[in-house]
Amino acid sequence: MTRTPIRVRALCLLGLSFLLTPLVAFAEHPSLQPETCSVEGLMDSIRRGLQSKSPAYRRYLRELLKESAVTLPEEQLRAAFERETEPLMVEHLAAALAAKTDRGESPSTMQVVAKRALDDADPAVRAAATRALRRTSAEEHTGDMYSRLVRDASPEVRMEAATNLIEDNRYVYAGYHGPASDTAVAAAAASSDAKVTARILGNISTAAISPESASTLHSLLGNESAEVRAGAATAMGGVPATEMAKARQTLGAMYRSETDVNVRTAILQSIARLGFASAVPELQSLRQVDTRLVPEVDAWIRALSTGLQEWSLLLREKQRLRQAH
């Protein structure tokens, strides 16, 4: 019999002791029985604990496994992941493997998860493995994985991939890591699912994108889907300073020829964001192009005239003015 390392045994026993505390009883989880500690034993205990009706307790179990992953034998953890078929358990094991890479251990563990996300026959498992990579460094270790995931046959997988890109952009890289933003733009362009493309473009920071990504955004402004055009127009509003003049010129011309009201609304917001107070004359010149949007243009002009220099504050003021009228 393979002997479990002492520190792994200690961590597992500590985890199992937590599973048996009054907090667990309060969460109404199924009773757990002490057993010989191993990766399999810990997984069996977590599997039973996941039947709890408490979302907080289930989150705790996920974190317990991620923390345990640092000391669990990698080969055993990989083997457990590769033979698991229940999507929720796949997600927990995948998150544990990803945690090992994020903590400086072998990058290949992240690739093991990526392979399952891309190739598993069960779309629910692919979605679970994809979800497990959220808010990790997966983008740095998995090549073109996201450009492939957004073309998955399953709508759920495609949307999980989009959510990962958005949340990584915001919470892992704070919107100012060029390669991460470029990855998101490339994935958005690779997708043939208009909802996925629009969701990515409408929710990422483009402050640090490359000239190549900026060119991609310009091309997406001509997409046949109004959703995609609106997303691309929104993304154009946050481009780097070197791209702002071209973006303003392109969006101003597009506003005059565009017919979809939602796309035009997105264009107005990006023109305001690109120019702040200097955008007022341009907005005034566009005011009568679409009478449906006169109140929108007027709200932007009033908001920009306040002199606010923080975009989040300006956006909030514009929304307040729009609601007031």
C-alpha atoms as a PDB file:
ATOM      1  CA  MET A   1       0.000   0.000   0.000  1.00  0.00           C
ATOM      2  CA  THR A   2       1.293   3.460  -0.864  1.00  0.00           C
ATOM      3  CA  ARG A   3       2.027   5.459   2.243  1.00  0.00           C
ATOM      4  CA  THR A   4       0.394   8.902   2.348  1.00  0.00           C
ATOM      5  CA  PRO A   5       2.979  11.667   3.050  1.00  0.00           C
ATOM      6  CA  ILE A   6       2.798  12.946   6.620  1.00  0.00           C
ATOM      7  CA  ARG A   7       1.992  16.565   5.682  1.00  0.00           C
ATOM      8  CA  VAL A   8      -0.742  15.432   3.299  1.00  0.00           C
ATOM      9  CA  ARG A   9      -2.211  13.206   6.018  1.00  0.00           C
ATOM     10  CA  ALA A  10      -2.128  16.079   8.475  1.00  0.00           C
ATOM     11  CA  LEU A  11      -3.835  18.454   6.057  1.00  0.00           C
ATOM     12  CA  CYS A  12      -6.476  15.900   5.163  1.00  0.00           C
ATOM     13  CA  LEU A  13      -7.182  15.157   8.813  1.00  0.00           C
ATOM     14  CA  LEU A  14      -7.447  18.876   9.467  1.00  0.00           C
ATOM     15  CA  GLY A  15      -9.856  19.226   6.544  1.00  0.00           C
ATOM     16  CA  LEU A  16     -11.934  16.300   7.685  1.00  0.00           C
ATOM     17  CA  SER A  17     -12.071  17.687  11.196  1.00  0.00           C
ATOM     18  CA  PHE A  18     -13.494  20.902   9.755  1.00  0.00           C
ATOM     19  CA  LEU A  19     -16.055  18.851   7.897  1.00  0.00           C
ATOM     20  CA  LEU A  20     -17.267  17.481  11.212  1.00  0.00           C
ATOM     21  CA  THR A  21     -17.599  20.793  13.074  1.00  0.00           C
ATOM     22  CA  PRO A  22     -20.910  22.284  14.297  1.00  0.00           C
ATOM     23  CA  LEU A  23     -20.801  24.668  11.326  1.00  0.00           C
ATOM     24  CA  VAL A  24     -21.291  21.684   9.072  1.00  0.00           C
ATOM     25  CA  ALA A  25     -24.190  20.452  11.150  1.00  0.00           C
ATOM     26  CA  PHE A  26     -25.755  23.867  10.910  1.00  0.00           C
ATOM     27  CA  ALA A  27     -25.392  23.651   7.111  1.00  0.00           C
ATOM     28  CA  GLU A  28     -27.386  20.391   7.185  1.00  0.00           C
ATOM     29  CA  HIS A  29     -24.826  18.426   5.216  1.00  0.00           C
ATOM     30  CA  PRO A  30     -24.852  14.637   5.155  1.00  0.00           C
ATOM     31  CA  SER A  31     -22.924  13.126   8.032  1.00  0.00           C
ATOM     32  CA  LEU A  32     -19.291  12.346   7.257  1.00  0.00           C
ATOM     33  CA  GLN A  33     -17.306   9.461   8.676  1.00  0.00           C
ATOM     34  CA  PRO A  34     -13.565   9.623   9.467  1.00  0.00           C
ATOM     35  CA  GLU A  35     -11.479   7.444   7.197  1.00  0.00           C
ATOM     36  CA  THR A  36      -7.906   6.772   6.161  1.00  0.00           C
ATOM     37  CA  CYS A  37      -6.569   9.906   4.542  1.00  0.00           C
ATOM     38  CA  SER A  38      -5.758   9.945   0.801  1.00  0.00           C
ATOM     39  CA  VAL A  39      -6.719  11.951  -2.251  1.00  0.00           C
ATOM     40  CA  GLU A  40      -9.534   9.478  -2.790  1.00  0.00           C
ATOM     41  CA  GLY A  41     -10.641   9.729   0.827  1.00  0.00           C
ATOM     42  CA  LEU A  42     -10.683  13.492   0.744  1.00  0.00           C
ATOM     43  CA  MET A  43     -12.599  13.439  -2.549  1.00  0.00           C
ATOM     44  CA  ASP A  44     -15.180  11.007  -1.188  1.00  0.00           C
ATOM     45  CA  SER A  45     -15.718  13.237   1.833  1.00  0.00           C
ATOM     46  CA  ILE A  46     -16.092  16.323  -0.368  1.00  0.00           C
ATOM     47  CA  ARG A  47     -18.424  14.452  -2.715  1.00  0.00           C
ATOM     48  CA  ARG A  48     -20.726  13.673   0.192  1.00  0.00           C
ATOM     49  CA  GLY A  49     -20.419  17.194   1.561  1.00  0.00           C
ATOM     50  CA  LEU A  50     -21.497  18.684  -1.756  1.00  0.00           C
ATOM     51  CA  GLN A  51     -24.958  17.331  -1.097  1.00  0.00           C
ATOM     52  CA  SER A  52     -25.342  20.091   1.468  1.00  0.00           C
ATOM     53  CA  LYS A  53     -28.107  22.613   0.874  1.00  0.00           C
ATOM     54  CA  SER A  54     -25.814  25.454   1.970  1.00  0.00           C
ATOM     55  CA  PRO A  55     -24.120  27.368  -0.896  1.00  0.00           C
ATOM     56  CA  ALA A  56     -21.621  28.788   1.609  1.00  0.00           C
ATOM     57  CA  TYR A  57     -20.660  25.316   2.752  1.00  0.00           C
ATOM     58  CA  ARG A  58     -20.251  24.084  -0.817  1.00  0.00           C
ATOM     59  CA  ARG A  59     -17.968  27.052  -1.526  1.00  0.00           C
ATOM     60  CA  TYR A  60     -16.013  26.148   1.589  1.00  0.00           C
ATOM     61  CA  LEU A  61     -15.482  22.625   0.272  1.00  0.00           C
ATOM     62  CA  ARG A  62     -14.138  23.985  -3.013  1.00  0.00           C
ATOM     63  CA  GLU A  63     -11.705  26.207  -1.144  1.00  0.00           C
ATOM     64  CA  LEU A  64     -10.690  23.316   1.113  1.00  0.00           C
ATOM     65  CA  LEU A  65      -9.725  21.239  -1.909  1.00  0.00           C
ATOM     66  CA  LYS A  66      -7.863  24.145  -3.541  1.00  0.00           C
ATOM     67  CA  GLU A  67      -5.878  24.760  -0.354  1.00  0.00           C
ATOM     68  CA  SER A  68      -5.204  21.036   0.020  1.00  0.00           C
ATOM     69  CA  ALA A  69      -3.952  20.883  -3.579  1.00  0.00           C
ATOM     70  CA  VAL A  70      -0.688  22.534  -2.563  1.00  0.00           C
ATOM     71  CA  THR A  71       0.336  19.443  -0.598  1.00  0.00           C
ATOM     72  CA  LEU A  72      -1.611  16.682  -2.308  1.00  0.00           C
ATOM     73  CA  PRO A  73       0.462  14.424  -4.604  1.00  0.00           C
ATOM     74  CA  GLU A  74       0.076  15.802  -8.121  1.00  0.00           C
ATOM     75  CA  GLU A  75      -0.067  12.405  -9.800  1.00  0.00           C
ATOM     76  CA  GLN A  76      -2.922  11.294  -7.566  1.00  0.00           C
ATOM     77  CA  LEU A  77      -4.774  14.569  -8.084  1.00  0.00           C
ATOM     78  CA  ARG A  78      -4.403  14.309 -11.866  1.00  0.00           C
ATOM     79  CA  ALA A  79      -5.546  10.711 -11.854  1.00  0.00           C
ATOM     80  CA  ALA A  80      -8.623  11.597  -9.800  1.00  0.00           C
ATOM     81  CA  PHE A  81      -9.406  14.437 -12.213  1.00  0.00           C
ATOM     82  CA  GLU A  82      -8.975  12.328 -15.326  1.00  0.00           C
ATOM     83  CA  ARG A  83     -11.280   9.542 -14.155  1.00  0.00           C
ATOM     84  CA  GLU A  84     -13.981  11.818 -12.692  1.00  0.00           C
ATOM     85  CA  THR A  85     -17.147  12.173 -14.771  1.00  0.00           C
ATOM     86  CA  GLU A  86     -19.529  14.111 -12.501  1.00  0.00           C
ATOM     87  CA  PRO A  87     -19.359  17.763 -13.688  1.00  0.00           C
ATOM     88  CA  LEU A  88     -19.369  19.392 -10.248  1.00  0.00           C
ATOM     89  CA  MET A  89     -16.561  17.175  -9.013  1.00  0.00           C
ATOM     90  CA  VAL A  90     -14.659  17.767 -12.253  1.00  0.00           C
ATOM     91  CA  GLU A  91     -14.939  21.487 -11.592  1.00  0.00           C
ATOM     92  CA  HIS A  92     -13.602  21.140  -8.041  1.00  0.00           C
ATOM     93  CA  LEU A  93     -10.692  18.948  -9.097  1.00  0.00           C
ATOM     94  CA  ALA A  94      -9.893  21.211 -12.038  1.00  0.00           C
ATOM     95  CA  ALA A  95      -9.843  24.231  -9.720  1.00  0.00           C
ATOM     96  CA  ALA A  96      -7.447  22.375  -7.430  1.00  0.00           C
ATOM     97  CA  LEU A  97      -5.098  21.572 -10.324  1.00  0.00           C
ATOM     98  CA  ALA A  98      -5.240  25.175 -11.547  1.00  0.00           C
ATOM     99  CA  ALA A  99      -4.371  26.325  -8.037  1.00  0.00           C
ATOM    100  CA  LYS A 100      -1.133  24.356  -8.180  1.00  0.00           C
ATOM    101  CA  THR A 101      -0.032  26.257 -11.282  1.00  0.00           C
ATOM    102  CA  ASP A 102      -1.118  29.609  -9.837  1.00  0.00           C
ATOM    103  CA  ARG A 103       1.081  28.907  -6.825  1.00  0.00           C
ATOM    104  CA  GLY A 104       4.190  28.364  -8.860  1.00  0.00           C
ATOM    105  CA  GLU A 105       4.106  24.612  -9.392  1.00  0.00           C
ATOM    106  CA  SER A 106       4.221  22.841 -12.762  1.00  0.00           C
ATOM    107  CA  PRO A 107       2.460  24.797 -15.527  1.00  0.00           C
ATOM    108  CA  SER A 108       1.495  21.501 -17.153  1.00  0.00           C
ATOM    109  CA  THR A 109      -1.284  21.010 -14.594  1.00  0.00           C
ATOM    110  CA  MET A 110      -3.185  23.913 -16.150  1.00  0.00           C
ATOM    111  CA  GLN A 111      -2.803  22.278 -19.553  1.00  0.00           C
ATOM    112  CA  VAL A 112      -4.353  19.075 -18.222  1.00  0.00           C
ATOM    113  CA  VAL A 113      -7.464  21.053 -17.292  1.00  0.00           C
ATOM    114  CA  ALA A 114      -7.472  22.869 -20.633  1.00  0.00           C
ATOM    115  CA  LYS A 115      -7.382  19.582 -22.511  1.00  0.00           C
ATOM    116  CA  ARG A 116     -10.476  18.384 -20.656  1.00  0.00           C
ATOM    117  CA  ALA A 117     -12.240  21.693 -21.286  1.00  0.00           C
ATOM    118  CA  LEU A 118     -11.534  21.411 -24.995  1.00  0.00           C
ATOM    119  CA  ASP A 119     -11.854  17.704 -25.695  1.00  0.00           C
ATOM    120  CA  ASP A 120     -14.169  15.951 -23.238  1.00  0.00           C
ATOM    121  CA  ALA A 121     -17.147  14.308 -24.928  1.00  0.00           C
ATOM    122  CA  ASP A 122     -19.612  15.619 -22.328  1.00  0.00           C
ATOM    123  CA  PRO A 123     -20.466  19.324 -22.820  1.00  0.00           C
ATOM    124  CA  ALA A 124     -21.376  19.624 -19.129  1.00  0.00           C
ATOM    125  CA  VAL A 125     -17.865  18.451 -18.202  1.00  0.00           C
ATOM    126  CA  ARG A 126     -16.279  20.818 -20.728  1.00  0.00           C
ATOM    127  CA  ALA A 127     -18.262  23.683 -19.221  1.00  0.00           C
ATOM    128  CA  ALA A 128     -17.266  22.653 -15.685  1.00  0.00           C
ATOM    129  CA  ALA A 129     -13.568  22.456 -16.546  1.00  0.00           C
ATOM    130  CA  THR A 130     -13.779  25.831 -18.280  1.00  0.00           C
ATOM    131  CA  ARG A 131     -15.505  27.399 -15.287  1.00  0.00           C
ATOM    132  CA  ALA A 132     -12.764  26.075 -13.000  1.00  0.00           C
ATOM    133  CA  LEU A 133     -10.204  28.187 -14.868  1.00  0.00           C
ATOM    134  CA  ARG A 134     -11.989  31.441 -14.039  1.00  0.00           C
ATOM    135  CA  ARG A 135      -9.845  34.079 -12.296  1.00  0.00           C
ATOM    136  CA  THR A 136      -6.659  32.052 -12.763  1.00  0.00           C
ATOM    137  CA  SER A 137      -3.556  32.483 -14.905  1.00  0.00           C
ATOM    138  CA  ALA A 138      -4.924  30.073 -17.516  1.00  0.00           C
ATOM    139  CA  GLU A 139      -4.530  32.606 -20.316  1.00  0.00           C
ATOM    140  CA  GLU A 140      -0.769  32.543 -19.765  1.00  0.00           C
ATOM    141  CA  HIS A 141      -0.454  28.745 -19.899  1.00  0.00           C
ATOM    142  CA  THR A 142      -2.992  27.453 -22.422  1.00  0.00           C
ATOM    143  CA  GLY A 143      -2.156  29.032 -25.778  1.00  0.00           C
ATOM    144  CA  ASP A 144      -5.174  29.591 -28.038  1.00  0.00           C
ATOM    145  CA  MET A 145      -7.557  27.729 -25.714  1.00  0.00           C
ATOM    146  CA  TYR A 146     -10.082  30.568 -25.468  1.00  0.00           C
ATOM    147  CA  SER A 147     -10.242  31.146 -29.208  1.00  0.00           C
ATOM    148  CA  ARG A 148     -11.137  27.462 -29.472  1.00  0.00           C
ATOM    149  CA  LEU A 149     -13.573  27.401 -26.552  1.00  0.00           C
ATOM    150  CA  VAL A 150     -15.680  30.226 -27.994  1.00  0.00           C
ATOM    151  CA  ARG A 151     -16.232  28.004 -31.046  1.00  0.00           C
ATOM    152  CA  ASP A 152     -17.351  25.015 -28.963  1.00  0.00           C
ATOM    153  CA  ALA A 153     -20.509  23.241 -30.122  1.00  0.00           C
ATOM    154  CA  SER A 154     -22.112  23.863 -26.703  1.00  0.00           C
ATOM    155  CA  PRO A 155     -23.609  27.325 -26.037  1.00  0.00           C
ATOM    156  CA  GLU A 156     -22.912  26.797 -22.328  1.00  0.00           C
ATOM    157  CA  VAL A 157     -19.205  26.233 -22.919  1.00  0.00           C
ATOM    158  CA  ARG A 158     -18.990  29.264 -25.192  1.00  0.00           C
ATOM    159  CA  MET A 159     -20.635  31.489 -22.600  1.00  0.00           C
ATOM    160  CA  GLU A 160     -18.497  30.127 -19.754  1.00  0.00           C
ATOM    161  CA  ALA A 161     -15.419  30.968 -21.822  1.00  0.00           C
ATOM    162  CA  ALA A 162     -16.722  34.497 -22.396  1.00  0.00           C
ATOM    163  CA  THR A 163     -17.321  34.936 -18.677  1.00  0.00           C
ATOM    164  CA  ASN A 164     -13.777  33.742 -17.920  1.00  0.00           C
ATOM    165  CA  LEU A 165     -12.280  36.278 -20.298  1.00  0.00           C
ATOM    166  CA  ILE A 166     -14.335  39.100 -18.800  1.00  0.00           C
ATOM    167  CA  GLU A 167     -13.603  38.217 -15.180  1.00  0.00           C
ATOM    168  CA  ASP A 168      -9.907  37.535 -15.795  1.00  0.00           C
ATOM    169  CA  ASN A 169      -9.617  40.878 -17.566  1.00  0.00           C
ATOM    170  CA  ARG A 170     -11.236  42.653 -14.632  1.00  0.00           C
ATOM    171  CA  TYR A 171     -10.155  40.762 -11.535  1.00  0.00           C
ATOM    172  CA  VAL A 172      -6.850  39.088 -12.429  1.00  0.00           C
ATOM    173  CA  TYR A 173      -5.318  41.738 -14.673  1.00  0.00           C
ATOM    174  CA  ALA A 174      -7.261  44.865 -13.593  1.00  0.00           C
ATOM    175  CA  GLY A 175      -7.876  45.734 -17.247  1.00  0.00           C
ATOM    176  CA  TYR A 176      -4.315  46.898 -17.874  1.00  0.00           C
ATOM    177  CA  HIS A 177      -2.534  43.768 -19.053  1.00  0.00           C
ATOM    178  CA  GLY A 178      -2.200  44.009 -22.805  1.00  0.00           C
ATOM    179  CA  PRO A 179      -1.795  40.293 -23.580  1.00  0.00           C
ATOM    180  CA  ALA A 180      -4.937  39.405 -21.600  1.00  0.00           C
ATOM    181  CA  SER A 181      -6.962  42.079 -23.388  1.00  0.00           C
ATOM    182  CA  ASP A 182      -5.570  40.942 -26.735  1.00  0.00           C
ATOM    183  CA  THR A 183      -6.555  37.358 -25.924  1.00  0.00           C
ATOM    184  CA  ALA A 184     -10.101  38.500 -25.201  1.00  0.00           C
ATOM    185  CA  VAL A 185     -10.350  40.494 -28.436  1.00  0.00           C
ATOM    186  CA  ALA A 186      -8.933  37.596 -30.454  1.00  0.00           C
ATOM    187  CA  ALA A 187     -11.438  35.191 -28.904  1.00  0.00           C
ATOM    188  CA  ALA A 188     -14.315  37.586 -29.554  1.00  0.00           C
ATOM    189  CA  ALA A 189     -13.303  37.815 -33.204  1.00  0.00           C
ATOM    190  CA  ALA A 190     -12.876  34.033 -33.478  1.00  0.00           C
ATOM    191  CA  SER A 191     -16.392  33.306 -32.229  1.00  0.00           C
ATOM    192  CA  SER A 192     -19.292  32.904 -34.636  1.00  0.00           C
ATOM    193  CA  ASP A 193     -21.755  33.278 -31.747  1.00  0.00           C
ATOM    194  CA  ALA A 194     -22.886  36.914 -31.839  1.00  0.00           C
ATOM    195  CA  LYS A 195     -23.976  36.879 -28.205  1.00  0.00           C
ATOM    196  CA  VAL A 196     -20.585  35.623 -27.066  1.00  0.00           C
ATOM    197  CA  THR A 197     -18.684  38.139 -29.179  1.00  0.00           C
ATOM    198  CA  ALA A 198     -20.875  41.031 -28.058  1.00  0.00           C
ATOM    199  CA  ARG A 199     -20.653  40.021 -24.393  1.00  0.00           C
ATOM    200  CA  ILE A 200     -16.862  39.896 -24.436  1.00  0.00           C
ATOM    201  CA  LEU A 201     -16.427  43.170 -26.300  1.00  0.00           C
ATOM    202  CA  GLY A 202     -18.988  45.010 -24.223  1.00  0.00           C
ATOM    203  CA  ASN A 203     -17.412  44.064 -20.898  1.00  0.00           C
ATOM    204  CA  ILE A 204     -13.621  44.126 -21.182  1.00  0.00           C
ATOM    205  CA  SER A 205     -11.114  46.911 -20.755  1.00  0.00           C
ATOM    206  CA  THR A 206      -9.277  47.755 -23.983  1.00  0.00           C
ATOM    207  CA  ALA A 207      -6.945  50.327 -22.400  1.00  0.00           C
ATOM    208  CA  ALA A 208      -3.839  48.258 -23.132  1.00  0.00           C
ATOM    209  CA  ILE A 209      -4.679  46.489 -26.392  1.00  0.00           C
ATOM    210  CA  SER A 210      -2.185  46.243 -29.228  1.00  0.00           C
ATOM    211  CA  PRO A 211      -2.553  48.032 -32.573  1.00  0.00           C
ATOM    212  CA  GLU A 212      -3.494  44.661 -34.073  1.00  0.00           C
ATOM    213  CA  SER A 213      -6.370  44.261 -31.614  1.00  0.00           C
ATOM    214  CA  ALA A 214      -7.488  47.822 -32.294  1.00  0.00           C
ATOM    215  CA  SER A 215      -7.577  46.958 -35.995  1.00  0.00           C
ATOM    216  CA  THR A 216      -9.697  43.897 -35.153  1.00  0.00           C
ATOM    217  CA  LEU A 217     -12.179  46.113 -33.327  1.00  0.00           C
ATOM    218  CA  HIS A 218     -12.445  48.391 -36.369  1.00  0.00           C
ATOM    219  CA  SER A 219     -13.231  45.390 -38.556  1.00  0.00           C
ATOM    220  CA  LEU A 220     -15.891  44.147 -36.111  1.00  0.00           C
ATOM    221  CA  LEU A 221     -17.694  47.486 -36.412  1.00  0.00           C
ATOM    222  CA  GLY A 222     -18.802  46.239 -39.817  1.00  0.00           C
ATOM    223  CA  ASN A 223     -20.200  42.930 -38.566  1.00  0.00           C
ATOM    224  CA  GLU A 224     -23.650  41.965 -39.832  1.00  0.00           C
ATOM    225  CA  SER A 225     -24.890  41.500 -36.239  1.00  0.00           C
ATOM    226  CA  ALA A 226     -26.074  44.668 -34.523  1.00  0.00           C
ATOM    227  CA  GLU A 227     -25.148  43.069 -31.170  1.00  0.00           C
ATOM    228  CA  VAL A 228     -21.557  42.659 -32.301  1.00  0.00           C
ATOM    229  CA  ARG A 229     -21.379  46.177 -33.735  1.00  0.00           C
ATOM    230  CA  ALA A 230     -22.653  47.585 -30.432  1.00  0.00           C
ATOM    231  CA  GLY A 231     -20.081  45.552 -28.487  1.00  0.00           C
ATOM    232  CA  ALA A 232     -17.266  46.657 -30.772  1.00  0.00           C
ATOM    233  CA  ALA A 233     -18.383  50.277 -30.519  1.00  0.00           C
ATOM    234  CA  THR A 234     -18.365  50.025 -26.723  1.00  0.00           C
ATOM    235  CA  ALA A 235     -14.893  48.474 -26.732  1.00  0.00           C
ATOM    236  CA  MET A 236     -13.611  51.267 -28.983  1.00  0.00           C
ATOM    237  CA  GLY A 237     -14.357  53.775 -26.263  1.00  0.00           C
ATOM    238  CA  GLY A 238     -11.548  52.485 -24.067  1.00  0.00           C
ATOM    239  CA  VAL A 239      -8.683  52.148 -26.550  1.00  0.00           C
ATOM    240  CA  PRO A 240      -5.183  53.476 -25.772  1.00  0.00           C
ATOM    241  CA  ALA A 241      -4.351  57.141 -26.387  1.00  0.00           C
ATOM    242  CA  THR A 242      -2.510  56.296 -29.611  1.00  0.00           C
ATOM    243  CA  GLU A 243      -5.740  54.884 -31.054  1.00  0.00           C
ATOM    244  CA  MET A 244      -8.203  57.510 -29.810  1.00  0.00           C
ATOM    245  CA  ALA A 245      -8.158  59.930 -32.734  1.00  0.00           C
ATOM    246  CA  LYS A 246      -8.795  57.184 -35.286  1.00  0.00           C
ATOM    247  CA  ALA A 247     -11.492  55.659 -33.079  1.00  0.00           C
ATOM    248  CA  ARG A 248     -13.350  58.980 -32.740  1.00  0.00           C
ATOM    249  CA  GLN A 249     -13.230  59.589 -36.481  1.00  0.00           C
ATOM    250  CA  THR A 250     -14.459  56.083 -37.278  1.00  0.00           C
ATOM    251  CA  LEU A 251     -17.275  56.168 -34.720  1.00  0.00           C
ATOM    252  CA  GLY A 252     -18.458  59.622 -35.780  1.00  0.00           C
ATOM    253  CA  ALA A 253     -18.745  58.519 -39.399  1.00  0.00           C
ATOM    254  CA  MET A 254     -20.374  55.237 -38.386  1.00  0.00           C
ATOM    255  CA  TYR A 255     -23.037  57.011 -36.341  1.00  0.00           C
ATOM    256  CA  ARG A 256     -24.312  58.793 -39.431  1.00  0.00           C
ATOM    257  CA  SER A 257     -24.690  55.606 -41.472  1.00  0.00           C
ATOM    258  CA  GLU A 258     -25.791  53.198 -38.712  1.00  0.00           C
ATOM    259  CA  THR A 259     -29.520  52.485 -38.392  1.00  0.00           C
ATOM    260  CA  ASP A 260     -29.736  50.378 -35.218  1.00  0.00           C
ATOM    261  CA  VAL A 261     -30.601  52.499 -32.195  1.00  0.00           C
ATOM    262  CA  ASN A 262     -28.662  50.333 -29.746  1.00  0.00           C
ATOM    263  CA  VAL A 263     -25.505  50.553 -31.820  1.00  0.00           C
ATOM    264  CA  ARG A 264     -25.906  54.302 -32.083  1.00  0.00           C
ATOM    265  CA  THR A 265     -26.347  54.516 -28.312  1.00  0.00           C
ATOM    266  CA  ALA A 266     -23.083  52.613 -27.826  1.00  0.00           C
ATOM    267  CA  ILE A 267     -21.333  54.906 -30.293  1.00  0.00           C
ATOM    268  CA  LEU A 268     -22.443  58.008 -28.399  1.00  0.00           C
ATOM    269  CA  GLN A 269     -21.087  56.595 -25.152  1.00  0.00           C
ATOM    270  CA  SER A 270     -17.720  55.806 -26.713  1.00  0.00           C
ATOM    271  CA  ILE A 271     -17.419  59.216 -28.352  1.00  0.00           C
ATOM    272  CA  ALA A 272     -18.058  60.775 -24.935  1.00  0.00           C
ATOM    273  CA  ARG A 273     -15.513  58.505 -23.287  1.00  0.00           C
ATOM    274  CA  LEU A 274     -12.860  59.155 -25.892  1.00  0.00           C
ATOM    275  CA  GLY A 275     -13.183  62.918 -25.751  1.00  0.00           C
ATOM    276  CA  PHE A 276     -14.774  63.936 -22.443  1.00  0.00           C
ATOM    277  CA  ALA A 277     -15.449  67.715 -22.630  1.00  0.00           C
ATOM    278  CA  SER A 278     -13.818  67.970 -26.067  1.00  0.00           C
ATOM    279  CA  ALA A 279     -16.495  65.613 -27.420  1.00  0.00           C
ATOM    280  CA  VAL A 280     -19.311  68.127 -26.821  1.00  0.00           C
ATOM    281  CA  PRO A 281     -19.075  69.851 -30.255  1.00  0.00           C
ATOM    282  CA  GLU A 282     -19.039  66.480 -32.007  1.00  0.00           C
ATOM    283  CA  LEU A 283     -22.074  65.309 -30.055  1.00  0.00           C
ATOM    284  CA  GLN A 284     -23.883  68.537 -30.895  1.00  0.00           C
ATOM    285  CA  SER A 285     -23.210  67.927 -34.577  1.00  0.00           C
ATOM    286  CA  LEU A 286     -24.744  64.446 -34.289  1.00  0.00           C
ATOM    287  CA  ARG A 287     -27.784  65.580 -32.298  1.00  0.00           C
ATOM    288  CA  GLN A 288     -30.292  65.664 -35.160  1.00  0.00           C
ATOM    289  CA  VAL A 289     -29.051  62.599 -37.022  1.00  0.00           C
ATOM    290  CA  ASP A 290     -31.484  60.380 -35.085  1.00  0.00           C
ATOM    291  CA  THR A 291     -34.338  62.157 -33.318  1.00  0.00           C
ATOM    292  CA  ARG A 292     -34.939  59.086 -31.156  1.00  0.00           C
ATOM    293  CA  LEU A 293     -31.626  59.736 -29.473  1.00  0.00           C
ATOM    294  CA  VAL A 294     -31.842  63.493 -28.912  1.00  0.00           C
ATOM    295  CA  PRO A 295     -32.449  62.959 -25.153  1.00  0.00           C
ATOM    296  CA  GLU A 296     -29.429  60.648 -25.022  1.00  0.00           C
ATOM    297  CA  VAL A 297     -27.189  63.150 -26.761  1.00  0.00           C
ATOM    298  CA  ASP A 298     -28.435  65.964 -24.520  1.00  0.00           C
ATOM    299  CA  ALA A 299     -27.749  63.907 -21.404  1.00  0.00           C
ATOM    300  CA  TRP A 300     -24.195  63.288 -22.524  1.00  0.00           C
ATOM    301  CA  ILE A 301     -23.649  66.957 -23.316  1.00  0.00           C
ATOM    302  CA  ARG A 302     -24.911  68.010 -19.876  1.00  0.00           C
ATOM    303  CA  ALA A 303     -22.821  65.368 -18.129  1.00  0.00           C
ATOM    304  CA  LEU A 304     -19.668  66.284 -20.029  1.00  0.00           C
ATOM    305  CA  SER A 305     -20.253  69.946 -19.262  1.00  0.00           C
ATOM    306  CA  THR A 306     -19.868  69.222 -15.521  1.00  0.00           C
ATOM    307  CA  GLY A 307     -16.137  68.868 -16.032  1.00  0.00           C
ATOM    308  CA  LEU A 308     -15.933  65.476 -14.311  1.00  0.00           C
ATOM    309  CA  GLN A 309     -12.682  63.705 -15.220  1.00  0.00           C
ATOM    310  CA  GLU A 310     -13.359  60.229 -13.821  1.00  0.00           C
ATOM    311  CA  TRP A 311     -15.201  57.986 -16.278  1.00  0.00           C
ATOM    312  CA  SER A 312     -17.171  56.053 -13.659  1.00  0.00           C
ATOM    313  CA  LEU A 313     -18.401  59.308 -12.103  1.00  0.00           C
ATOM    314  CA  LEU A 314     -19.219  60.767 -15.506  1.00  0.00           C
ATOM    315  CA  LEU A 315     -21.156  57.663 -16.492  1.00  0.00           C
ATOM    316  CA  ARG A 316     -23.107  57.779 -13.248  1.00  0.00           C
ATOM    317  CA  GLU A 317     -23.929  61.454 -13.745  1.00  0.00           C
ATOM    318  CA  LYS A 318     -25.088  60.844 -17.297  1.00  0.00           C
ATOM    319  CA  GLN A 319     -27.355  58.003 -16.131  1.00  0.00           C
ATOM    320  CA  ARG A 320     -28.794  60.250 -13.442  1.00  0.00           C
ATOM    321  CA  LEU A 321     -29.524  63.001 -15.959  1.00  0.00           C
ATOM    322  CA  ARG A 322     -31.054  60.556 -18.424  1.00  0.00           C
ATOM    323  CA  GLN A 323     -33.368  59.112 -15.777  1.00  0.00           C
ATOM    324  CA  ALA A 324     -34.369  62.582 -14.661  1.00  0.00           C
ATOM    325  CA  HIS A 325     -35.673  63.345 -18.139  1.00  0.00           C
END
